[in-house]
Amino acid sequence: MIINKIKLKVDVCVKLNRLLSLVSLILLACCLTNVSAQQKETAKAQTFLDMAIQKAYAASVRIWGFDVEKNERTSAQFSGVVVNEKGIILTAAHTISPGRTYKIFFPDGRAAIAKALGRIDLAATPGIPDAGMLQLLDKGPFPFVEMGFSSLLKTNDPCISISYPEKINLTLPTLRYGNIAEVKNEYGFIRSTCKMEPGDSGGALFDQYGRLIGIHSAIDVKEDQNFEIPIDIYHKYWTALQEVINYSKYPIKEDNYSPNKAIFADKAITIDAIVAKNAIKLAKVKNTVLALTSKIDGLDSEAMGTIINYFSLEKTTEQFILSKNSIVGDLPILNIEGLKIRLHIVKRDLQNDLILLKADKNIKGGVNIDASKNMEVKLGGIVVALLPDGKYQRGIIGNEPLALEKNSSIPYLGASILFKSSPAAVTVVKPGSPAALAGIQTGDFIMNINGVNIKQANEFAPELAKYWAGEEVTIEWLRADQKYTKSIKLVNKPFVASKHPVDKFAGGGSERRDGFKQVFTFDAILLPKQSAVPVFSLNGQFLGINIARYSRAISLGIPYGIIVDFLKEIPSLK
């Protein structure tokens, strides 16, 4: 009897274990199915977006005024889009003058000449509706896009901007991604969240299928205040706009057009929902990005730091905190769950504006970087910039990795040199500048910078441009027959904001925002102090870190490969 009872209990336990194993397998299968379904959903969304970009990209053109007789440029840069095989280009009225000629640049490197046709800019309400048209004069064939219908848009529909912001001044267009915030505002414009800047005027706004739905016109201060000319305006006045006329009233001639609702019947791909799901997964990795504080010239400086676990080619593993060099000074401290952890500075990289820090003990979490791998940054890829506390900003890769030459990051001495002077004569010394504080005066001659002789005026700026703000250089100058030598700390150029809304966005741009060996652009809204937050692809791959807020519409990222190269330079890891 006892034996039978024991046997019965054993049988029950075996059956229960089998049942539990079966339940576990079912749950695992469900989890794997959910993961697989989410991966497929993510891949489908990205593929769908890639197809739209491929359809629209080649016909999105860069434009400026051009005098064909004098062979010279006559206006600022703006944007446009080719819409048919005959070479008709749509743009904004405020960028063109009917009858004048313009130079057109295609993304594939081709250039052509176009003539401005009609423009509609109402005298009673200047800037409305801001519709303009050009005609290519060169022989095709030319790439062109499909025109959609703005009247069929709905609030929150996805949209894509492909145009040429002038500040970054690239030969290829920059992508931005957003949504329709208002189908038609009080002035008759579409309002979108695709961020614009000067240079984007006249550029194209596409729907998620790559169909043209609007033309960029204007902006206001906030990043979600971007105003587009509805494409239906061009449908309505298509014939009138082909006349070389400056319309101060709406043209009498109107074309009949009928929006094809069938082409808008497909369900939108909800990328924002997919981004949110993936961001939640990324945020579950503990301590990926944390806040830093440090001291720069005695003042508190805030930054972010991405914790990285580096797997070297030698199969060693070491943990670091990666941040933006120019905003991390002395005595860096990591803030984690109410604790303040003192960090040690391992290395600074002035060229890429990176700093590598280390804590005494490893911190649980972070992102993994494998020296044997490289993560490709692809044009049009949706990205997630992860912030502390599980917050994030969505973006799109606007340009693949490129070199960004030194411009605003050329250090400031505060002394101007007389053009073509030999030796280099100082004509202006700005009060309070490093030059003034060092004692350099108007009429002095700059003779030497860090051991390099300066014989004439055109040698001064290139030599100074080799350095970075914060570095000290030894400058020798001559006054009468007396030589002076002093070590001078260079600083950032003073930023003078314009009154244009483009310079009034919250937080402003980063002080150090160019002079990089390689960066990619993306359109996430990030503050300068949020530099060094990690950037992930839509499927969760670590692509690099945000290194600067370049402008209203553009943030910059340092790609994975540059970070690996920096880590390989660490002596302890060689």
Protein backbone atom coordinates (compact mmCIF):
# COMPACT_ATOMS: atom_id res chain seq x y z
CA MET A 1 0.00 0.00 0.00
CA ILE A 2 2.80 2.41 1.00
CA ILE A 3 4.71 1.53 -2.16
CA ASN A 4 1.64 2.23 -4.31
CA LYS A 5 1.14 5.63 -2.64
CA ILE A 6 4.77 6.55 -3.23
CA LYS A 7 4.48 5.42 -6.86
CA LEU A 8 1.30 7.52 -7.25
CA LYS A 9 3.03 10.62 -5.86
CA VAL A 10 5.99 10.12 -8.18
CA ASP A 11 3.66 9.77 -11.19
CA VAL A 12 1.82 12.95 -10.19
CA CYS A 13 5.12 14.86 -9.80
CA VAL A 14 6.36 13.63 -13.16
CA LYS A 15 3.11 14.62 -14.86
CA LEU A 16 3.15 18.01 -13.11
CA ASN A 17 6.74 18.67 -14.21
CA ARG A 18 5.82 17.70 -17.76
CA LEU A 19 2.83 20.04 -17.63
CA LEU A 20 4.98 22.89 -16.27
CA SER A 21 7.58 22.24 -18.97
CA LEU A 22 4.86 22.30 -21.59
CA VAL A 23 3.46 25.59 -20.22
CA SER A 24 6.98 27.06 -20.16
CA LEU A 25 7.53 26.02 -23.77
CA ILE A 26 4.20 27.56 -24.78
CA LEU A 27 5.05 30.81 -22.96
CA LEU A 28 8.51 30.85 -24.54
CA ALA A 29 7.00 30.22 -27.95
CA CYS A 30 4.54 33.08 -27.38
CA CYS A 31 7.37 35.40 -26.33
CA LEU A 32 9.45 34.42 -29.35
CA THR A 33 6.41 34.88 -31.57
CA ASN A 34 5.82 38.35 -30.09
CA VAL A 35 9.49 39.26 -30.52
CA SER A 36 9.47 37.94 -34.08
CA ALA A 37 6.24 39.81 -34.84
CA GLN A 38 7.69 43.05 -33.47
CA GLN A 39 10.89 42.57 -35.47
CA LYS A 40 8.86 42.00 -38.63
CA GLU A 41 6.74 45.06 -37.87
CA THR A 42 9.88 47.14 -37.35
CA ALA A 43 11.50 45.88 -40.56
CA LYS A 44 8.30 46.50 -42.53
CA ALA A 45 8.02 50.09 -41.28
CA GLN A 46 11.65 50.89 -42.13
CA THR A 47 11.39 49.24 -45.56
CA PHE A 48 8.21 51.18 -46.31
CA LEU A 49 9.94 54.44 -45.41
CA ASP A 50 13.02 53.54 -47.46
CA MET A 51 10.83 52.99 -50.53
CA ALA A 52 9.22 56.42 -50.15
CA ILE A 53 12.61 58.11 -49.81
CA GLN A 54 14.01 56.27 -52.82
CA LYS A 55 11.00 57.40 -54.86
CA ALA A 56 11.34 61.08 -53.87
CA TYR A 57 15.04 61.73 -53.28
CA ALA A 58 16.48 62.07 -56.81
CA ALA A 59 14.06 64.84 -57.88
CA SER A 60 14.65 67.05 -54.82
CA VAL A 61 16.92 69.85 -56.01
CA ARG A 62 19.15 72.60 -54.66
CA ILE A 63 18.76 76.00 -56.33
CA TRP A 64 20.28 79.46 -56.42
CA GLY A 65 19.94 82.52 -58.65
CA PHE A 66 22.41 82.48 -61.54
CA ASP A 67 23.38 85.03 -64.19
CA VAL A 68 24.17 82.89 -67.26
CA GLU A 69 25.90 85.74 -69.10
CA LYS A 70 28.22 86.66 -66.22
CA ASN A 71 28.43 83.05 -65.05
CA GLU A 72 27.92 84.06 -61.43
CA ARG A 73 25.64 83.29 -58.52
CA THR A 74 23.04 85.96 -57.73
CA SER A 75 21.03 84.73 -54.72
CA ALA A 76 20.97 82.70 -51.54
CA GLN A 77 20.36 78.96 -51.71
CA PHE A 78 16.85 77.50 -51.69
CA SER A 79 15.12 74.23 -52.62
CA GLY A 80 12.65 72.80 -55.10
CA VAL A 81 11.32 69.57 -56.60
CA VAL A 82 10.86 68.36 -60.20
CA VAL A 83 7.29 67.16 -60.80
CA ASN A 84 7.09 66.00 -64.41
CA GLU A 85 9.08 64.73 -67.39
CA LYS A 86 8.96 68.19 -68.99
CA GLY A 87 11.15 69.61 -66.22
CA ILE A 88 8.62 71.69 -64.24
CA ILE A 89 9.96 72.56 -60.77
CA LEU A 90 7.77 73.63 -57.88
CA THR A 91 9.16 76.01 -55.26
CA ALA A 92 8.11 78.91 -53.02
CA ALA A 93 7.18 82.29 -54.53
CA HIS A 94 9.41 84.23 -52.14
CA THR A 95 12.53 82.56 -53.59
CA ILE A 96 12.08 83.50 -57.27
CA SER A 97 11.46 86.39 -59.70
CA PRO A 98 9.57 85.55 -62.92
CA GLY A 99 11.80 85.52 -65.99
CA ARG A 100 15.10 85.24 -64.13
CA THR A 101 17.46 82.29 -64.47
CA TYR A 102 18.51 79.83 -61.78
CA LYS A 103 21.02 77.04 -61.41
CA ILE A 104 19.61 73.65 -60.44
CA PHE A 105 21.66 70.96 -58.69
CA PHE A 106 20.49 67.34 -58.55
CA PRO A 107 21.58 64.88 -55.83
CA ASP A 108 23.43 62.79 -58.45
CA GLY A 109 25.76 65.75 -59.17
CA ARG A 110 24.13 67.00 -62.39
CA ALA A 111 23.55 70.74 -62.84
CA ALA A 112 21.10 72.51 -65.16
CA ILE A 113 19.64 75.95 -65.83
CA ALA A 114 16.00 76.86 -65.23
CA LYS A 115 13.85 79.94 -65.78
CA ALA A 116 11.34 81.19 -63.22
CA LEU A 117 7.77 81.14 -64.50
CA GLY A 118 4.84 82.36 -62.41
CA ARG A 119 4.54 83.15 -58.75
CA ILE A 120 1.49 83.92 -56.58
CA ASP A 121 2.08 86.30 -53.66
CA LEU A 122 -1.01 88.29 -52.71
CA ALA A 123 -0.56 92.03 -52.23
CA ALA A 124 -3.27 92.07 -49.58
CA THR A 125 -1.63 89.27 -47.57
CA PRO A 126 2.09 89.08 -48.42
CA GLY A 127 3.56 85.60 -48.16
CA ILE A 128 0.27 83.90 -49.05
CA PRO A 129 -0.05 81.44 -50.79
CA ASP A 130 3.66 81.67 -51.72
CA ALA A 131 3.43 79.34 -54.75
CA GLY A 132 6.12 79.48 -57.45
CA MET A 133 7.16 77.50 -60.53
CA LEU A 134 10.30 77.13 -62.68
CA GLN A 135 11.02 75.42 -66.00
CA LEU A 136 14.24 73.50 -66.69
CA LEU A 137 15.83 74.75 -69.92
CA ASP A 138 18.29 71.88 -70.40
CA LYS A 139 17.29 68.65 -72.10
CA GLY A 140 16.26 65.73 -69.90
CA PRO A 141 15.46 63.15 -68.96
CA PHE A 142 15.09 64.35 -65.37
CA PRO A 143 13.88 62.45 -62.32
CA PHE A 144 10.49 63.62 -61.10
CA VAL A 145 8.03 62.84 -58.33
CA GLU A 146 4.36 61.98 -58.17
CA MET A 147 2.06 64.77 -57.02
CA GLY A 148 -0.45 63.85 -54.33
CA PHE A 149 -3.43 65.81 -52.98
CA SER A 150 -3.22 67.91 -49.82
CA SER A 151 -7.01 67.97 -49.41
CA LEU A 152 -6.96 64.26 -48.55
CA LEU A 153 -4.49 64.63 -45.69
CA LYS A 154 -5.44 63.89 -42.09
CA THR A 155 -4.00 65.18 -38.82
CA ASN A 156 -1.07 63.02 -37.62
CA ASP A 157 -0.38 61.57 -41.08
CA PRO A 158 3.37 60.82 -41.43
CA CYS A 159 5.41 63.14 -43.67
CA ILE A 160 8.97 63.38 -44.98
CA SER A 161 10.96 66.52 -45.81
CA ILE A 162 13.74 66.34 -48.43
CA SER A 163 15.47 69.68 -48.97
CA TYR A 164 18.66 71.71 -48.47
CA PRO A 165 19.12 73.68 -45.20
CA GLU A 166 21.62 76.42 -45.94
CA LYS A 167 23.40 76.57 -42.59
CA ILE A 168 25.01 73.14 -42.93
CA ASN A 169 25.49 73.82 -46.67
CA LEU A 170 25.68 70.29 -48.08
CA THR A 171 25.48 69.26 -51.73
CA LEU A 172 23.02 66.48 -50.85
CA PRO A 173 19.57 67.04 -49.36
CA THR A 174 18.88 66.47 -45.68
CA LEU A 175 15.95 64.29 -44.62
CA ARG A 176 13.54 65.07 -41.80
CA TYR A 177 10.55 63.07 -40.58
CA GLY A 178 7.38 64.23 -38.86
CA ASN A 179 3.62 64.40 -38.88
CA ILE A 180 0.87 66.64 -40.18
CA ALA A 181 -0.01 68.84 -37.20
CA GLU A 182 -2.70 70.86 -39.03
CA VAL A 183 -4.13 70.04 -42.45
CA LYS A 184 -5.01 73.69 -43.04
CA ASN A 185 -4.30 76.53 -40.61
CA GLU A 186 -5.93 79.97 -40.56
CA TYR A 187 -3.62 81.19 -43.35
CA GLY A 188 -4.26 78.21 -45.60
CA PHE A 189 -0.93 76.46 -44.93
CA ILE A 190 -0.28 72.89 -43.85
CA ARG A 191 1.54 72.82 -40.50
CA SER A 192 3.98 69.95 -40.08
CA THR A 193 6.54 68.83 -37.50
CA CYS A 194 9.21 68.34 -40.18
CA LYS A 195 11.71 70.94 -38.97
CA MET A 196 12.84 73.58 -41.48
CA GLU A 197 15.48 76.29 -41.76
CA PRO A 198 16.48 78.95 -44.31
CA GLY A 199 17.51 77.11 -47.48
CA ASP A 200 14.64 74.65 -47.09
CA SER A 201 12.21 77.18 -48.58
CA GLY A 202 10.68 75.72 -51.74
CA GLY A 203 11.63 72.20 -50.73
CA ALA A 204 9.36 69.19 -50.82
CA LEU A 205 7.10 67.64 -48.21
CA PHE A 206 6.10 64.06 -49.06
CA ASP A 207 3.65 61.60 -47.61
CA GLN A 208 4.74 58.14 -46.47
CA TYR A 209 4.33 56.83 -50.04
CA GLY A 210 6.75 59.40 -51.50
CA ARG A 211 3.99 61.54 -53.03
CA LEU A 212 4.36 65.32 -53.00
CA ILE A 213 1.85 66.95 -50.63
CA GLY A 214 3.37 70.35 -49.87
CA ILE A 215 6.15 72.88 -50.49
CA HIS A 216 8.13 74.46 -47.63
CA SER A 217 7.27 78.11 -47.01
CA ALA A 218 8.01 79.46 -43.51
CA ILE A 219 8.67 78.70 -39.84
CA ASP A 220 7.97 80.09 -36.39
CA VAL A 221 10.09 79.70 -33.24
CA LYS A 222 8.96 76.31 -31.91
CA GLU A 223 10.25 73.27 -33.76
CA ASP A 224 6.72 72.05 -34.55
CA GLN A 225 5.82 75.32 -36.31
CA ASN A 226 6.69 74.57 -39.95
CA PHE A 227 4.37 75.85 -42.67
CA GLU A 228 3.87 74.25 -46.07
CA ILE A 229 2.11 75.40 -49.24
CA PRO A 230 -0.60 72.79 -49.96
CA ILE A 231 0.08 70.96 -53.22
CA ASP A 232 -3.55 71.52 -54.25
CA ILE A 233 -2.68 75.21 -54.81
CA TYR A 234 -0.39 74.08 -57.63
CA HIS A 235 -3.04 71.74 -59.02
CA LYS A 236 -5.57 74.58 -59.02
CA TYR A 237 -3.33 77.18 -60.70
CA TRP A 238 -1.18 74.83 -62.80
CA THR A 239 -1.83 76.59 -66.12
CA ALA A 240 -1.60 80.11 -64.66
CA LEU A 241 1.74 79.39 -62.98
CA GLN A 242 3.27 78.40 -66.32
CA GLU A 243 2.95 82.02 -67.44
CA VAL A 244 5.86 84.35 -66.61
CA ILE A 245 3.70 86.53 -64.36
CA ASN A 246 3.96 87.88 -60.83
CA TYR A 247 0.41 87.43 -59.54
CA SER A 248 -0.56 89.84 -56.74
CA LYS A 249 -4.09 88.43 -56.80
CA TYR A 250 -5.26 84.87 -57.32
CA PRO A 251 -5.25 84.11 -61.09
CA ILE A 252 -8.63 84.11 -62.81
CA LYS A 253 -7.67 80.95 -64.70
CA GLU A 254 -8.24 77.85 -62.56
CA ASP A 255 -7.64 74.22 -63.53
CA ASN A 256 -10.09 71.46 -62.75
CA TYR A 257 -8.58 68.66 -60.71
CA SER A 258 -10.10 65.75 -58.86
CA PRO A 259 -8.31 64.21 -55.85
CA ASN A 260 -8.09 60.46 -56.24
CA LYS A 261 -9.24 59.14 -52.89
CA ALA A 262 -8.32 55.60 -53.86
CA ILE A 263 -4.59 56.30 -53.70
CA PHE A 264 -4.99 57.48 -50.11
CA ALA A 265 -6.99 54.46 -49.01
CA ASP A 266 -4.01 52.46 -47.73
CA LYS A 267 -3.52 52.34 -43.99
CA ALA A 268 -0.65 54.45 -42.64
CA ILE A 269 2.38 52.72 -41.12
CA THR A 270 2.47 53.97 -37.52
CA ILE A 271 6.20 54.42 -37.00
CA ASP A 272 5.72 56.43 -33.80
CA ALA A 273 3.99 53.46 -32.13
CA ILE A 274 6.86 51.16 -33.17
CA VAL A 275 9.42 53.69 -31.90
CA ALA A 276 7.64 53.84 -28.54
CA LYS A 277 7.70 50.03 -28.19
CA ASN A 278 11.40 49.83 -29.01
CA ALA A 279 12.25 52.77 -26.75
CA ILE A 280 10.59 50.97 -23.82
CA LYS A 281 12.80 47.93 -24.52
CA LEU A 282 15.95 50.09 -24.71
CA ALA A 283 15.07 51.87 -21.47
CA LYS A 284 14.97 48.53 -19.63
CA VAL A 285 18.76 48.26 -19.98
CA LYS A 286 19.81 49.83 -16.71
CA ASN A 287 22.11 52.87 -16.59
CA THR A 288 22.61 53.28 -20.33
CA VAL A 289 22.82 57.06 -20.07
CA LEU A 290 23.33 59.18 -16.96
CA ALA A 291 23.77 62.84 -16.02
CA LEU A 292 27.23 64.32 -15.41
CA THR A 293 28.41 67.46 -13.70
CA SER A 294 31.86 69.05 -13.77
CA LYS A 295 33.63 72.38 -13.36
CA ILE A 296 34.69 74.60 -16.28
CA ASP A 297 36.52 77.76 -15.20
CA GLY A 298 35.01 77.31 -11.75
CA LEU A 299 31.42 77.12 -13.02
CA ASP A 300 29.11 74.09 -12.99
CA SER A 301 28.66 72.39 -16.35
CA GLU A 302 25.97 69.80 -17.12
CA ALA A 303 26.36 66.96 -19.61
CA MET A 304 25.28 63.41 -20.31
CA GLY A 305 27.38 60.28 -20.36
CA THR A 306 26.80 56.95 -22.10
CA ILE A 307 28.13 53.94 -20.21
CA ILE A 308 29.93 51.61 -22.60
CA ASN A 309 31.26 48.11 -22.11
CA TYR A 310 34.13 47.79 -24.57
CA PHE A 311 35.10 44.39 -25.97
CA SER A 312 38.54 44.82 -27.54
CA LEU A 313 40.11 42.83 -30.37
CA GLU A 314 42.27 41.17 -27.69
CA LYS A 315 39.06 39.86 -26.05
CA THR A 316 39.46 42.07 -22.98
CA THR A 317 36.49 43.94 -21.53
CA GLU A 318 36.56 47.34 -19.88
CA GLN A 319 33.90 49.85 -18.91
CA PHE A 320 34.02 53.59 -19.62
CA ILE A 321 31.72 56.59 -19.64
CA LEU A 322 31.73 58.46 -22.96
CA SER A 323 30.78 62.14 -23.11
CA LYS A 324 31.26 65.42 -25.01
CA ASN A 325 34.68 66.85 -24.27
CA SER A 326 33.97 70.57 -24.63
CA ILE A 327 31.27 70.56 -21.92
CA VAL A 328 33.08 68.30 -19.44
CA GLY A 329 35.71 70.07 -17.36
CA ASP A 330 37.50 69.21 -14.13
CA LEU A 331 36.19 67.06 -11.29
CA PRO A 332 33.57 65.13 -13.30
CA ILE A 333 30.87 63.47 -11.22
CA LEU A 334 28.33 60.87 -12.35
CA ASN A 335 24.87 61.11 -10.82
CA ILE A 336 23.25 57.72 -10.39
CA GLU A 337 20.18 56.97 -8.27
CA GLY A 338 20.95 59.78 -5.85
CA LEU A 339 24.63 58.82 -5.53
CA LYS A 340 27.51 60.94 -6.78
CA ILE A 341 30.37 58.91 -8.24
CA ARG A 342 33.71 60.59 -8.84
CA LEU A 343 35.09 59.89 -12.32
CA HIS A 344 38.64 59.86 -13.64
CA ILE A 345 39.55 61.39 -17.00
CA VAL A 346 41.13 58.72 -19.21
CA LYS A 347 41.55 60.62 -22.50
CA ARG A 348 40.29 63.66 -24.41
CA ASP A 349 39.84 63.73 -28.18
CA LEU A 350 39.71 67.36 -29.36
CA GLN A 351 39.12 66.50 -33.02
CA ASN A 352 35.93 64.53 -32.33
CA ASP A 353 35.03 66.40 -29.12
CA LEU A 354 34.97 63.16 -27.11
CA ILE A 355 36.06 62.48 -23.56
CA LEU A 356 36.52 59.05 -21.98
CA LEU A 357 35.89 58.74 -18.25
CA LYS A 358 36.13 55.89 -15.78
CA ALA A 359 34.68 55.07 -12.37
CA ASP A 360 36.59 53.12 -9.69
CA LYS A 361 34.05 50.30 -9.94
CA ASN A 362 31.98 49.04 -12.84
CA ILE A 363 28.36 50.16 -13.00
CA LYS A 364 25.68 47.63 -13.86
CA GLY A 365 24.24 48.20 -17.32
CA GLY A 366 25.40 50.22 -20.30
CA VAL A 367 25.72 49.47 -24.01
CA ASN A 368 28.18 47.03 -25.54
CA ILE A 369 30.77 48.07 -28.13
CA ASP A 370 32.64 45.33 -29.97
CA ALA A 371 35.87 46.43 -31.68
CA SER A 372 35.43 43.70 -34.30
CA LYS A 373 32.11 45.11 -35.51
CA ASN A 374 30.84 48.25 -37.18
CA MET A 375 27.26 49.49 -37.26
CA GLU A 376 26.27 51.07 -40.56
CA VAL A 377 24.41 54.39 -40.42
CA LYS A 378 21.93 54.40 -43.31
CA LEU A 379 20.17 57.37 -44.89
CA GLY A 380 16.53 57.44 -43.83
CA GLY A 381 16.97 55.13 -40.87
CA ILE A 382 14.62 55.92 -37.97
CA VAL A 383 16.60 56.39 -34.75
CA VAL A 384 15.94 56.69 -31.04
CA ALA A 385 18.04 59.03 -28.88
CA LEU A 386 17.73 57.60 -25.37
CA LEU A 387 17.58 60.02 -22.43
CA PRO A 388 17.77 59.29 -18.68
CA ASP A 389 14.66 58.02 -16.88
CA GLY A 390 13.40 56.16 -19.94
CA LYS A 391 12.63 59.27 -22.00
CA TYR A 392 13.62 59.48 -25.66
CA GLN A 393 13.56 61.55 -28.84
CA ARG A 394 12.75 60.10 -32.26
CA GLY A 395 14.71 61.11 -35.33
CA ILE A 396 15.62 60.13 -38.87
CA ILE A 397 19.11 59.88 -40.38
CA GLY A 398 19.21 62.96 -42.58
CA ASN A 399 22.64 62.38 -44.11
CA GLU A 400 25.02 59.45 -44.01
CA PRO A 401 28.40 60.01 -42.24
CA LEU A 402 30.34 62.99 -43.60
CA ALA A 403 33.19 65.29 -42.63
CA LEU A 404 32.08 68.66 -41.25
CA GLU A 405 34.75 71.29 -41.67
CA LYS A 406 35.72 73.76 -38.98
CA ASN A 407 33.72 76.98 -39.20
CA SER A 408 32.03 78.21 -36.04
CA SER A 409 34.54 76.14 -34.03
CA ILE A 410 37.57 78.11 -35.20
CA PRO A 411 38.88 79.51 -31.89
CA TYR A 412 38.58 83.16 -31.04
CA LEU A 413 41.57 85.40 -30.34
CA GLY A 414 39.81 88.72 -30.87
CA ALA A 415 42.39 90.33 -33.15
CA SER A 416 41.77 91.24 -36.82
CA ILE A 417 44.58 91.36 -39.36
CA LEU A 418 44.98 93.90 -42.19
CA PHE A 419 44.26 92.28 -45.57
CA LYS A 420 47.46 91.49 -47.56
CA SER A 421 49.69 93.05 -44.91
CA SER A 422 53.28 91.78 -44.54
CA PRO A 423 54.14 91.34 -41.74
CA ALA A 424 50.63 90.60 -40.40
CA ALA A 425 49.41 93.90 -38.96
CA VAL A 426 46.72 94.03 -36.25
CA THR A 427 43.93 96.44 -37.19
CA VAL A 428 41.29 95.69 -34.54
CA VAL A 429 41.44 94.26 -31.02
CA LYS A 430 38.06 93.44 -29.48
CA PRO A 431 37.68 94.69 -25.89
CA GLY A 432 37.72 91.86 -23.36
CA SER A 433 39.00 89.34 -25.91
CA PRO A 434 41.98 87.01 -25.24
CA ALA A 435 44.13 89.28 -27.44
CA ALA A 436 43.14 92.38 -25.44
CA LEU A 437 43.71 90.65 -22.11
CA ALA A 438 47.17 89.54 -23.29
CA GLY A 439 48.09 93.14 -24.20
CA ILE A 440 48.01 92.96 -28.02
CA GLN A 441 47.22 96.39 -29.49
CA THR A 442 46.18 97.87 -32.81
CA GLY A 443 49.31 98.49 -34.93
CA ASP A 444 51.18 95.47 -33.53
CA PHE A 445 52.56 92.80 -35.88
CA ILE A 446 51.88 89.09 -35.24
CA MET A 447 55.20 87.33 -35.82
CA ASN A 448 54.79 83.80 -34.52
CA ILE A 449 52.11 81.32 -33.30
CA ASN A 450 53.41 78.32 -31.32
CA GLY A 451 56.76 78.40 -33.07
CA VAL A 452 55.36 78.89 -36.59
CA ASN A 453 56.48 82.14 -38.20
CA ILE A 454 53.69 84.35 -39.59
CA LYS A 455 55.19 86.32 -42.48
CA GLN A 456 52.02 87.73 -44.03
CA ALA A 457 48.35 88.24 -43.33
CA ASN A 458 47.02 85.16 -45.15
CA GLU A 459 49.08 82.85 -42.90
CA PHE A 460 47.49 84.05 -39.66
CA ALA A 461 43.93 82.60 -39.81
CA PRO A 462 44.89 79.12 -41.15
CA GLU A 463 47.47 78.73 -38.38
CA LEU A 464 45.05 79.81 -35.66
CA ALA A 465 42.39 77.47 -37.09
CA LYS A 466 44.56 74.45 -36.24
CA TYR A 467 43.66 74.87 -32.58
CA TRP A 468 40.52 74.55 -30.49
CA ALA A 469 38.82 76.73 -27.91
CA GLY A 470 40.34 76.01 -24.51
CA GLU A 471 43.83 75.39 -25.87
CA GLU A 472 46.74 77.70 -25.04
CA VAL A 473 49.01 79.03 -27.77
CA THR A 474 52.19 81.04 -27.45
CA ILE A 475 52.00 84.19 -29.57
CA GLU A 476 54.87 86.51 -30.37
CA TRP A 477 54.17 90.04 -31.58
CA LEU A 478 56.15 93.14 -32.41
CA ARG A 479 55.47 96.73 -31.34
CA ALA A 480 57.93 99.31 -32.63
CA ASP A 481 61.25 97.55 -31.93
CA GLN A 482 60.00 95.62 -28.89
CA LYS A 483 59.03 91.91 -29.04
CA TYR A 484 56.38 90.48 -26.73
CA THR A 485 55.63 86.81 -26.07
CA LYS A 486 52.72 85.42 -24.12
CA SER A 487 50.76 82.19 -23.67
CA ILE A 488 47.11 82.93 -24.51
CA LYS A 489 44.10 80.70 -23.88
CA LEU A 490 41.79 80.66 -26.90
CA VAL A 491 38.00 80.74 -26.43
CA ASN A 492 34.85 80.06 -28.46
CA LYS A 493 33.63 82.70 -30.90
CA PRO A 494 30.94 84.90 -29.33
CA PHE A 495 27.58 83.83 -30.76
CA VAL A 496 25.44 86.67 -32.08
CA ALA A 497 21.89 85.42 -32.61
CA SER A 498 19.83 86.89 -35.40
CA LYS A 499 16.23 88.02 -34.96
CA HIS A 500 15.07 85.25 -37.28
CA PRO A 501 13.02 82.46 -35.63
CA VAL A 502 15.66 79.96 -36.76
CA ASP A 503 17.99 81.13 -33.96
CA LYS A 504 15.36 81.24 -31.20
CA PHE A 505 14.63 77.55 -30.62
CA ALA A 506 14.71 76.28 -27.04
CA GLY A 507 18.23 75.63 -25.74
CA GLY A 508 19.94 76.97 -28.85
CA GLY A 509 22.81 75.26 -30.64
CA SER A 510 25.92 73.70 -29.13
CA GLU A 511 28.99 75.92 -28.90
CA ARG A 512 31.13 73.20 -30.48
CA ARG A 513 29.14 71.98 -33.48
CA ASP A 514 31.54 71.49 -36.39
CA GLY A 515 35.11 70.54 -37.23
CA PHE A 516 34.37 66.81 -36.96
CA LYS A 517 36.18 64.05 -38.82
CA GLN A 518 32.92 62.18 -39.35
CA VAL A 519 29.33 62.74 -38.20
CA PHE A 520 25.83 61.82 -39.29
CA THR A 521 22.89 64.21 -39.18
CA PHE A 522 19.53 63.43 -37.62
CA ASP A 523 16.56 65.55 -36.59
CA ALA A 524 15.90 64.65 -32.93
CA ILE A 525 15.18 67.63 -30.68
CA LEU A 526 18.05 67.56 -28.17
CA LEU A 527 19.43 70.30 -25.93
CA PRO A 528 23.18 71.08 -25.96
CA LYS A 529 23.52 69.60 -22.44
CA GLN A 530 22.00 66.36 -23.78
CA SER A 531 25.05 65.74 -25.95
CA ALA A 532 26.56 62.24 -25.59
CA VAL A 533 23.23 60.44 -25.24
CA PRO A 534 23.21 57.10 -27.14
CA VAL A 535 21.53 56.82 -30.53
CA PHE A 536 19.94 53.51 -31.55
CA SER A 537 18.44 52.22 -34.78
CA LEU A 538 14.78 51.27 -34.89
CA ASN A 539 15.72 47.63 -34.23
CA GLY A 540 17.86 48.52 -31.20
CA GLN A 541 21.39 48.59 -32.63
CA PHE A 542 23.73 51.12 -31.02
CA LEU A 543 24.80 53.50 -33.82
CA GLY A 544 26.74 56.15 -31.89
CA ILE A 545 26.19 59.16 -29.65
CA ASN A 546 24.69 62.60 -30.15
CA ILE A 547 27.60 65.06 -30.19
CA ALA A 548 25.93 68.42 -30.89
CA ARG A 549 22.76 70.34 -31.61
CA TYR A 550 23.86 71.89 -34.87
CA SER A 551 20.80 74.00 -35.66
CA ARG A 552 17.03 74.18 -35.39
CA ALA A 553 16.54 71.19 -37.69
CA ILE A 554 19.74 69.20 -37.22
CA SER A 555 21.51 67.27 -34.49
CA LEU A 556 24.85 65.55 -35.08
CA GLY A 557 25.95 62.06 -34.13
CA ILE A 558 29.40 60.51 -33.81
CA PRO A 559 29.18 57.08 -35.47
CA TYR A 560 30.10 53.76 -33.87
CA GLY A 561 33.30 53.37 -35.92
CA ILE A 562 34.78 56.69 -34.73
CA ILE A 563 34.08 55.68 -31.12
CA VAL A 564 35.87 52.33 -31.67
CA ASP A 565 38.87 54.13 -33.20
CA PHE A 566 39.02 56.41 -30.15
CA LEU A 567 38.92 53.43 -27.77
CA LYS A 568 41.71 51.69 -29.70
CA GLU A 569 43.97 54.66 -28.90
CA ILE A 570 43.78 54.03 -25.13
CA PRO A 571 47.25 52.74 -24.09
CA SER A 572 45.87 50.21 -21.59
CA LEU A 573 43.75 48.65 -24.34
CA LYS A 574 46.49 48.25 -26.95
